[in-house]
Amino acid sequence: MENITIQVDAETAQAYRNADPQKQKKIHAFLNIMLKKTVNEKPLLEIMQEASEEAVANGMTPEILESILSDEQ
């Protein structure tokens, strides 16, 4: 793995820093999938389907995604 820096707003940065390591790991997996698929030149629907399948294969559930995307502080 390699590190990159992505700018986010202060609230998002703070929420990430305060998240437990398991949640941070899930966020890493989610972002890696989305970035990988975004830079690939495929139709959006195909990218979304592949990202969904890969996320499920890596243990992502609708509940986990909702938890990541919600504002639980």
Foldseek 3Di string as FASTA:
>chain_A
DDDDDDDDDPLLVVVLVPDDPVLVVLVVLLVVLVVVLVVDPDDPVVSVVVSVVVSVVVPDDPVSVCVNPDNDD
